[in-house]
Structures are given as structure tokens and as C-alpha cells.
Amino acid sequence: MRRRRSRLPLLLGVAIAVVVIGMLTGVIKLDDLGRFGIPDHGDVDAPASAVPATAAPSTAGPVIGASAVIPATAAAATIVRVVDGDTVVVRRDGRGGQETVRLAGIDTPETVKPNSPVECWGPEASAHTTELLPAGTAVRLEPDPTQGDADRYGRLLRYLWVPASTNDGTGSLVNLTLVREGFAEAYRDRHARWQEFQDAQSAARSENAGLWGAC
């Protein structure tokens, strides 16, 4: 029995002709192609090259916190070296020797305490303080009248300021910067800057900054 020839090619050809004529005359628009089984390439995902590239990470140096007026009681000194996240060695102007300064009102995770393990985020805190205070940095050391001059280890207790390059009497408080960025915890005990340190810590915790997100 002879098989009948399929009429599909003929019908398909007619359909294509209708679509082409319709588009040329404006009767059929590009958005209507889907009804005829013809894909609209306007819906195809953009090629990978068209996707905006992710911005490259910033290579800028460390940013110290907002500037404020440095108290007149803050004495000039120069950084000799950083011991750990909250302890530095300085040379005060007009004095011959070196002195160790413990940053007042804050505590960073331990890295060099004898007979104690290195704590979570301790190396990062030490590295960040070293980055903020390279040897030779001119600083100002502000005493806290509510605290003793030194701790039980003989380290000076100070708020440490980095003067602004504008030399206008303003600067950034490193103690506060370390708390705000999550490299240090604020002491619970009251001190002259207790409230601003607590506020900075609350902000850091809410953002899971530094040790709050890692430890």
C-alpha cells in the first residue's frame, strides 16, 4: 500500500511566510513570535561578558576612625614597636627611655601572654594595630583621670591618638577604632570614655565585625 506524502513541510513553509510578511507589514511584532513557536531571542540570558564584573577589592591602607579634637592633656610620643593588639612601646618626647603603653578601656585577644594560648582573632588584632601604628608614627598619649597612671605591670594606661595630617589639633583615637572595627572588646568597668566605647562595641557586634563574627 503506497504511503501518503506528509503535508508538514508545506504547512511549515506557509507559516514562516505568513510570519515574515506579518513582521514586514507591522501586523506581527517581535513579542508575538512565541505564539508561532519561534523563540524571541530578547528573552535569552545575556552572555557572561555582558554581566558587570565584581569590583576589585580596595588596596587602600587601614582607615583610622573619625577625627576629633585631641585633649590638651595628651603628651607627644613616637611609636617604637607594637607588642600586641592593645600594647605598644613608645618614646615620649623629652624623655630618654622607652615605655610600654597599655591602651586604656579596651582588651584585644591574647597573643603573647605567658602560659596562655593564642586566642581567636588575636593575631589579626596584633597585625591591625601594627598596620595602624608603624614604627616612627607620631602619637599623643591621653591619661585617664579616673584610672591610675599605670597598671600592675607598670605599663602606662593611655588613650592613644594619631594626629591628623592637617595639624589642626584633631586626630583619631586608636582605642576606639579597634573597638568599632571588632578587633577589641570594650571594658565593662567605668572609665572616662566608657559610653562611647560601649556604643562602638554595640555597633561592631550588630555587624558581626571582626571577632564578633569570627569567634
C-alpha atoms as a PDB file:
ATOM      1  CA  MET A   1       0.000   0.000   0.000  1.00  0.00           C
ATOM      2  CA  ARG A   2       1.525   3.390  -1.057  1.00  0.00           C
ATOM      3  CA  ARG A   3       2.095   5.827   1.855  1.00  0.00           C
ATOM      4  CA  ARG A   4       0.675   9.340   1.558  1.00  0.00           C
ATOM      5  CA  ARG A   5       3.199  12.196   1.347  1.00  0.00           C
ATOM      6  CA  SER A   6       3.312  14.336   4.511  1.00  0.00           C
ATOM      7  CA  ARG A   7       1.979  17.862   4.187  1.00  0.00           C
ATOM      8  CA  LEU A   8       4.020  19.127   7.212  1.00  0.00           C
ATOM      9  CA  PRO A   9       6.851  20.761   5.190  1.00  0.00           C
ATOM     10  CA  LEU A  10       4.311  22.633   3.102  1.00  0.00           C
ATOM     11  CA  LEU A  11       2.389  23.871   6.154  1.00  0.00           C
ATOM     12  CA  LEU A  12       5.610  24.921   7.912  1.00  0.00           C
ATOM     13  CA  GLY A  13       6.707  26.873   4.863  1.00  0.00           C
ATOM     14  CA  VAL A  14       3.385  28.671   4.702  1.00  0.00           C
ATOM     15  CA  ALA A  15       3.575  29.553   8.424  1.00  0.00           C
ATOM     16  CA  ILE A  16       7.056  31.030   8.068  1.00  0.00           C
ATOM     17  CA  ALA A  17       5.972  33.054   5.058  1.00  0.00           C
ATOM     18  CA  VAL A  18       2.985  34.427   6.990  1.00  0.00           C
ATOM     19  CA  VAL A  19       5.207  35.446   9.909  1.00  0.00           C
ATOM     20  CA  VAL A  20       7.758  37.167   7.677  1.00  0.00           C
ATOM     21  CA  ILE A  21       5.082  39.083   5.778  1.00  0.00           C
ATOM     22  CA  GLY A  22       3.357  39.997   9.042  1.00  0.00           C
ATOM     23  CA  MET A  23       6.558  41.406  10.542  1.00  0.00           C
ATOM     24  CA  LEU A  24       7.327  43.388   7.389  1.00  0.00           C
ATOM     25  CA  THR A  25       3.865  44.949   7.391  1.00  0.00           C
ATOM     26  CA  GLY A  26       3.852  45.577  11.147  1.00  0.00           C
ATOM     27  CA  VAL A  27       0.933  43.239  11.822  1.00  0.00           C
ATOM     28  CA  ILE A  28       3.128  40.861  13.822  1.00  0.00           C
ATOM     29  CA  LYS A  29       5.561  42.249  16.410  1.00  0.00           C
ATOM     30  CA  LEU A  30       8.705  40.661  17.824  1.00  0.00           C
ATOM     31  CA  ASP A  31       6.917  39.950  21.112  1.00  0.00           C
ATOM     32  CA  ASP A  32       4.328  37.819  19.232  1.00  0.00           C
ATOM     33  CA  LEU A  33       6.857  35.299  17.874  1.00  0.00           C
ATOM     34  CA  GLY A  34       6.325  32.917  20.790  1.00  0.00           C
ATOM     35  CA  ARG A  35       2.770  32.235  19.614  1.00  0.00           C
ATOM     36  CA  PHE A  36       4.189  30.799  16.404  1.00  0.00           C
ATOM     37  CA  GLY A  37       6.708  28.580  18.176  1.00  0.00           C
ATOM     38  CA  ILE A  38       9.618  30.851  17.231  1.00  0.00           C
ATOM     39  CA  PRO A  39      11.846  31.830  20.199  1.00  0.00           C
ATOM     40  CA  ASP A  40      12.244  35.511  20.983  1.00  0.00           C
ATOM     41  CA  HIS A  41      15.999  35.995  21.457  1.00  0.00           C
ATOM     42  CA  GLY A  42      15.317  39.093  23.508  1.00  0.00           C
ATOM     43  CA  ASP A  43      14.488  36.724  26.386  1.00  0.00           C
ATOM     44  CA  VAL A  44      17.779  34.842  26.156  1.00  0.00           C
ATOM     45  CA  ASP A  45      20.113  35.412  29.072  1.00  0.00           C
ATOM     46  CA  ALA A  46      22.865  37.920  28.408  1.00  0.00           C
ATOM     47  CA  PRO A  47      26.278  36.377  27.696  1.00  0.00           C
ATOM     48  CA  ALA A  48      28.718  36.201  30.570  1.00  0.00           C
ATOM     49  CA  SER A  49      30.763  39.015  29.073  1.00  0.00           C
ATOM     50  CA  ALA A  50      27.784  41.363  29.465  1.00  0.00           C
ATOM     51  CA  VAL A  51      27.498  40.787  33.214  1.00  0.00           C
ATOM     52  CA  PRO A  52      29.195  43.600  35.161  1.00  0.00           C
ATOM     53  CA  ALA A  53      32.428  42.438  36.739  1.00  0.00           C
ATOM     54  CA  THR A  54      32.675  42.386  40.517  1.00  0.00           C
ATOM     55  CA  ALA A  55      34.552  45.393  41.803  1.00  0.00           C
ATOM     56  CA  ALA A  56      38.143  44.660  42.724  1.00  0.00           C
ATOM     57  CA  PRO A  57      38.882  44.776  46.463  1.00  0.00           C
ATOM     58  CA  SER A  58      40.287  48.054  47.709  1.00  0.00           C
ATOM     59  CA  THR A  59      44.042  48.222  48.107  1.00  0.00           C
ATOM     60  CA  ALA A  60      43.910  51.329  50.282  1.00  0.00           C
ATOM     61  CA  GLY A  61      45.692  51.278  53.613  1.00  0.00           C
ATOM     62  CA  PRO A  62      43.991  50.979  57.008  1.00  0.00           C
ATOM     63  CA  VAL A  63      41.472  53.657  57.868  1.00  0.00           C
ATOM     64  CA  ILE A  64      41.543  55.045  61.413  1.00  0.00           C
ATOM     65  CA  GLY A  65      38.244  56.194  62.913  1.00  0.00           C
ATOM     66  CA  ALA A  66      36.565  59.572  62.755  1.00  0.00           C
ATOM     67  CA  SER A  67      38.562  62.617  63.744  1.00  0.00           C
ATOM     68  CA  ALA A  68      38.008  64.566  66.969  1.00  0.00           C
ATOM     69  CA  VAL A  69      39.808  67.242  68.965  1.00  0.00           C
ATOM     70  CA  ILE A  70      42.794  65.822  70.830  1.00  0.00           C
ATOM     71  CA  PRO A  71      42.692  66.813  74.534  1.00  0.00           C
ATOM     72  CA  ALA A  72      45.358  69.269  75.668  1.00  0.00           C
ATOM     73  CA  THR A  73      46.457  66.761  78.319  1.00  0.00           C
ATOM     74  CA  ALA A  74      47.693  64.321  75.646  1.00  0.00           C
ATOM     75  CA  ALA A  75      51.502  64.169  75.568  1.00  0.00           C
ATOM     76  CA  ALA A  76      53.531  63.743  72.387  1.00  0.00           C
ATOM     77  CA  ALA A  77      55.299  60.439  71.769  1.00  0.00           C
ATOM     78  CA  THR A  78      56.628  58.229  68.983  1.00  0.00           C
ATOM     79  CA  ILE A  79      55.812  54.572  68.359  1.00  0.00           C
ATOM     80  CA  VAL A  80      58.819  52.268  68.748  1.00  0.00           C
ATOM     81  CA  ARG A  81      57.018  48.972  68.170  1.00  0.00           C
ATOM     82  CA  VAL A  82      53.732  47.141  68.696  1.00  0.00           C
ATOM     83  CA  VAL A  83      53.712  44.328  71.267  1.00  0.00           C
ATOM     84  CA  ASP A  84      50.207  43.037  70.585  1.00  0.00           C
ATOM     85  CA  GLY A  85      46.769  44.387  69.750  1.00  0.00           C
ATOM     86  CA  ASP A  86      46.441  46.614  72.826  1.00  0.00           C
ATOM     87  CA  THR A  87      50.045  47.206  73.898  1.00  0.00           C
ATOM     88  CA  VAL A  88      52.751  49.349  72.305  1.00  0.00           C
ATOM     89  CA  VAL A  89      56.219  50.618  73.157  1.00  0.00           C
ATOM     90  CA  VAL A  90      56.774  54.369  72.794  1.00  0.00           C
ATOM     91  CA  ARG A  91      59.337  57.049  73.381  1.00  0.00           C
ATOM     92  CA  ARG A  92      57.790  60.130  74.967  1.00  0.00           C
ATOM     93  CA  ASP A  93      59.097  63.494  73.840  1.00  0.00           C
ATOM     94  CA  GLY A  94      61.574  64.951  76.333  1.00  0.00           C
ATOM     95  CA  ARG A  95      62.274  61.564  77.955  1.00  0.00           C
ATOM     96  CA  GLY A  96      65.254  59.366  77.274  1.00  0.00           C
ATOM     97  CA  GLY A  97      64.000  55.804  77.507  1.00  0.00           C
ATOM     98  CA  GLN A  98      61.272  53.654  76.073  1.00  0.00           C
ATOM     99  CA  GLU A  99      58.000  52.986  77.880  1.00  0.00           C
ATOM    100  CA  THR A 100      55.266  50.423  77.415  1.00  0.00           C
ATOM    101  CA  VAL A 101      51.720  51.709  76.960  1.00  0.00           C
ATOM    102  CA  ARG A 102      48.569  49.680  77.546  1.00  0.00           C
ATOM    103  CA  LEU A 103      45.653  51.088  75.528  1.00  0.00           C
ATOM    104  CA  ALA A 104      43.075  52.106  78.136  1.00  0.00           C
ATOM    105  CA  GLY A 105      39.482  50.890  78.191  1.00  0.00           C
ATOM    106  CA  ILE A 106      39.884  48.011  75.744  1.00  0.00           C
ATOM    107  CA  ASP A 107      41.099  44.432  75.554  1.00  0.00           C
ATOM    108  CA  THR A 108      42.246  42.553  72.458  1.00  0.00           C
ATOM    109  CA  PRO A 109      42.570  38.741  72.282  1.00  0.00           C
ATOM    110  CA  GLU A 110      45.846  37.439  73.713  1.00  0.00           C
ATOM    111  CA  THR A 111      48.837  36.503  71.580  1.00  0.00           C
ATOM    112  CA  VAL A 112      51.911  36.970  73.792  1.00  0.00           C
ATOM    113  CA  LYS A 113      50.679  36.413  77.361  1.00  0.00           C
ATOM    114  CA  PRO A 114      52.967  33.898  79.133  1.00  0.00           C
ATOM    115  CA  ASN A 115      51.483  30.434  79.691  1.00  0.00           C
ATOM    116  CA  SER A 116      48.351  31.384  77.742  1.00  0.00           C
ATOM    117  CA  PRO A 117      47.211  30.111  74.346  1.00  0.00           C
ATOM    118  CA  VAL A 118      46.846  32.402  71.374  1.00  0.00           C
ATOM    119  CA  GLU A 119      43.205  33.473  71.354  1.00  0.00           C
ATOM    120  CA  CYS A 120      40.793  33.741  68.458  1.00  0.00           C
ATOM    121  CA  TRP A 121      41.337  36.931  66.449  1.00  0.00           C
ATOM    122  CA  GLY A 122      44.463  37.735  68.474  1.00  0.00           C
ATOM    123  CA  PRO A 123      46.901  37.577  65.538  1.00  0.00           C
ATOM    124  CA  GLU A 124      44.524  39.658  63.423  1.00  0.00           C
ATOM    125  CA  ALA A 125      44.248  42.296  66.155  1.00  0.00           C
ATOM    126  CA  SER A 126      48.033  42.471  66.558  1.00  0.00           C
ATOM    127  CA  ALA A 127      48.526  42.759  62.815  1.00  0.00           C
ATOM    128  CA  HIS A 128      45.929  45.509  62.550  1.00  0.00           C
ATOM    129  CA  THR A 129      47.421  47.576  65.360  1.00  0.00           C
ATOM    130  CA  THR A 130      50.839  47.186  63.733  1.00  0.00           C
ATOM    131  CA  GLU A 131      49.320  48.407  60.483  1.00  0.00           C
ATOM    132  CA  LEU A 132      47.730  51.405  62.188  1.00  0.00           C
ATOM    133  CA  LEU A 133      50.853  52.268  64.189  1.00  0.00           C
ATOM    134  CA  PRO A 134      54.044  51.501  62.259  1.00  0.00           C
ATOM    135  CA  ALA A 135      57.334  52.336  63.968  1.00  0.00           C
ATOM    136  CA  GLY A 136      58.018  56.057  63.872  1.00  0.00           C
ATOM    137  CA  THR A 137      54.370  57.138  63.985  1.00  0.00           C
ATOM    138  CA  ALA A 138      53.866  60.372  65.925  1.00  0.00           C
ATOM    139  CA  VAL A 139      51.110  59.921  68.511  1.00  0.00           C
ATOM    140  CA  ARG A 140      49.544  61.632  71.515  1.00  0.00           C
ATOM    141  CA  LEU A 141      49.010  59.861  74.835  1.00  0.00           C
ATOM    142  CA  GLU A 142      45.956  60.953  76.823  1.00  0.00           C
ATOM    143  CA  PRO A 143      45.794  59.936  80.509  1.00  0.00           C
ATOM    144  CA  ASP A 144      42.505  58.998  82.156  1.00  0.00           C
ATOM    145  CA  PRO A 145      41.949  60.831  85.467  1.00  0.00           C
ATOM    146  CA  THR A 146      39.544  58.089  86.580  1.00  0.00           C
ATOM    147  CA  GLN A 147      42.276  55.444  86.289  1.00  0.00           C
ATOM    148  CA  GLY A 148      45.746  55.054  87.727  1.00  0.00           C
ATOM    149  CA  ASP A 149      48.749  56.246  85.740  1.00  0.00           C
ATOM    150  CA  ALA A 150      49.910  52.666  85.170  1.00  0.00           C
ATOM    151  CA  ASP A 151      48.632  49.116  85.574  1.00  0.00           C
ATOM    152  CA  ARG A 152      50.056  46.466  87.907  1.00  0.00           C
ATOM    153  CA  TYR A 153      52.679  45.570  85.306  1.00  0.00           C
ATOM    154  CA  GLY A 154      53.972  49.138  85.155  1.00  0.00           C
ATOM    155  CA  ARG A 155      52.500  49.869  81.732  1.00  0.00           C
ATOM    156  CA  LEU A 156      51.174  53.381  81.194  1.00  0.00           C
ATOM    157  CA  LEU A 157      47.379  53.440  80.786  1.00  0.00           C
ATOM    158  CA  ARG A 158      46.564  55.799  77.941  1.00  0.00           C
ATOM    159  CA  TYR A 159      44.140  56.679  75.188  1.00  0.00           C
ATOM    160  CA  LEU A 160      46.302  56.792  72.084  1.00  0.00           C
ATOM    161  CA  TRP A 161      45.665  59.407  69.415  1.00  0.00           C
ATOM    162  CA  VAL A 162      47.068  59.713  65.897  1.00  0.00           C
ATOM    163  CA  PRO A 163      47.084  63.410  64.936  1.00  0.00           C
ATOM    164  CA  ALA A 164      45.518  64.399  61.623  1.00  0.00           C
ATOM    165  CA  SER A 165      47.883  65.328  58.806  1.00  0.00           C
ATOM    166  CA  THR A 166      46.266  68.773  58.741  1.00  0.00           C
ATOM    167  CA  ASN A 167      47.917  69.639  62.084  1.00  0.00           C
ATOM    168  CA  ASP A 168      44.735  71.346  63.237  1.00  0.00           C
ATOM    169  CA  GLY A 169      44.633  69.799  66.697  1.00  0.00           C
ATOM    170  CA  THR A 170      42.372  66.925  65.694  1.00  0.00           C
ATOM    171  CA  GLY A 171      43.131  63.236  65.422  1.00  0.00           C
ATOM    172  CA  SER A 172      41.780  59.711  65.612  1.00  0.00           C
ATOM    173  CA  LEU A 173      41.501  57.648  68.784  1.00  0.00           C
ATOM    174  CA  VAL A 174      43.057  54.241  68.121  1.00  0.00           C
ATOM    175  CA  ASN A 175      41.441  52.591  71.165  1.00  0.00           C
ATOM    176  CA  LEU A 176      38.005  53.489  69.826  1.00  0.00           C
ATOM    177  CA  THR A 177      38.880  52.444  66.279  1.00  0.00           C
ATOM    178  CA  LEU A 178      39.905  48.954  67.427  1.00  0.00           C
ATOM    179  CA  VAL A 179      36.603  48.503  69.274  1.00  0.00           C
ATOM    180  CA  ARG A 180      34.495  49.824  66.402  1.00  0.00           C
ATOM    181  CA  GLU A 181      36.180  47.526  63.867  1.00  0.00           C
ATOM    182  CA  GLY A 182      35.812  44.424  66.041  1.00  0.00           C
ATOM    183  CA  PHE A 183      39.481  43.965  66.935  1.00  0.00           C
ATOM    184  CA  ALA A 184      38.967  44.702  70.644  1.00  0.00           C
ATOM    185  CA  GLU A 185      36.342  44.451  73.353  1.00  0.00           C
ATOM    186  CA  ALA A 186      35.391  47.434  75.496  1.00  0.00           C
ATOM    187  CA  TYR A 187      35.966  47.088  79.224  1.00  0.00           C
ATOM    188  CA  ARG A 188      32.830  46.858  81.329  1.00  0.00           C
ATOM    189  CA  ASP A 189      34.417  48.846  84.149  1.00  0.00           C
ATOM    190  CA  ARG A 190      33.672  52.556  84.072  1.00  0.00           C
ATOM    191  CA  HIS A 191      36.262  54.965  82.698  1.00  0.00           C
ATOM    192  CA  ALA A 192      36.314  58.423  81.121  1.00  0.00           C
ATOM    193  CA  ARG A 193      35.309  57.177  77.655  1.00  0.00           C
ATOM    194  CA  TRP A 194      33.118  54.284  78.750  1.00  0.00           C
ATOM    195  CA  GLN A 195      29.932  55.310  76.923  1.00  0.00           C
ATOM    196  CA  GLU A 196      31.488  55.956  73.513  1.00  0.00           C
ATOM    197  CA  PHE A 197      33.373  52.656  73.717  1.00  0.00           C
ATOM    198  CA  GLN A 198      30.172  50.804  74.613  1.00  0.00           C
ATOM    199  CA  ASP A 199      28.356  52.417  71.684  1.00  0.00           C
ATOM    200  CA  ALA A 200      31.174  51.452  69.327  1.00  0.00           C
ATOM    201  CA  GLN A 201      31.093  47.871  70.586  1.00  0.00           C
ATOM    202  CA  SER A 202      27.327  47.620  70.124  1.00  0.00           C
ATOM    203  CA  ALA A 203      27.724  48.736  66.512  1.00  0.00           C
ATOM    204  CA  ALA A 204      30.528  46.231  65.889  1.00  0.00           C
ATOM    205  CA  ARG A 205      28.525  43.374  67.389  1.00  0.00           C
ATOM    206  CA  SER A 206      25.438  44.206  65.357  1.00  0.00           C
ATOM    207  CA  GLU A 207      27.547  43.975  62.192  1.00  0.00           C
ATOM    208  CA  ASN A 208      29.443  40.834  63.283  1.00  0.00           C
ATOM    209  CA  ALA A 209      32.614  42.815  62.721  1.00  0.00           C
ATOM    210  CA  GLY A 210      35.963  41.169  63.400  1.00  0.00           C
ATOM    211  CA  LEU A 211      35.989  38.906  66.437  1.00  0.00           C
ATOM    212  CA  TRP A 212      32.199  39.164  66.824  1.00  0.00           C
ATOM    213  CA  GLY A 213      31.719  37.262  63.604  1.00  0.00           C
ATOM    214  CA  ALA A 214      34.774  35.016  63.773  1.00  0.00           C
ATOM    215  CA  CYS A 215      34.972  33.853  67.399  1.00  0.00           C
END
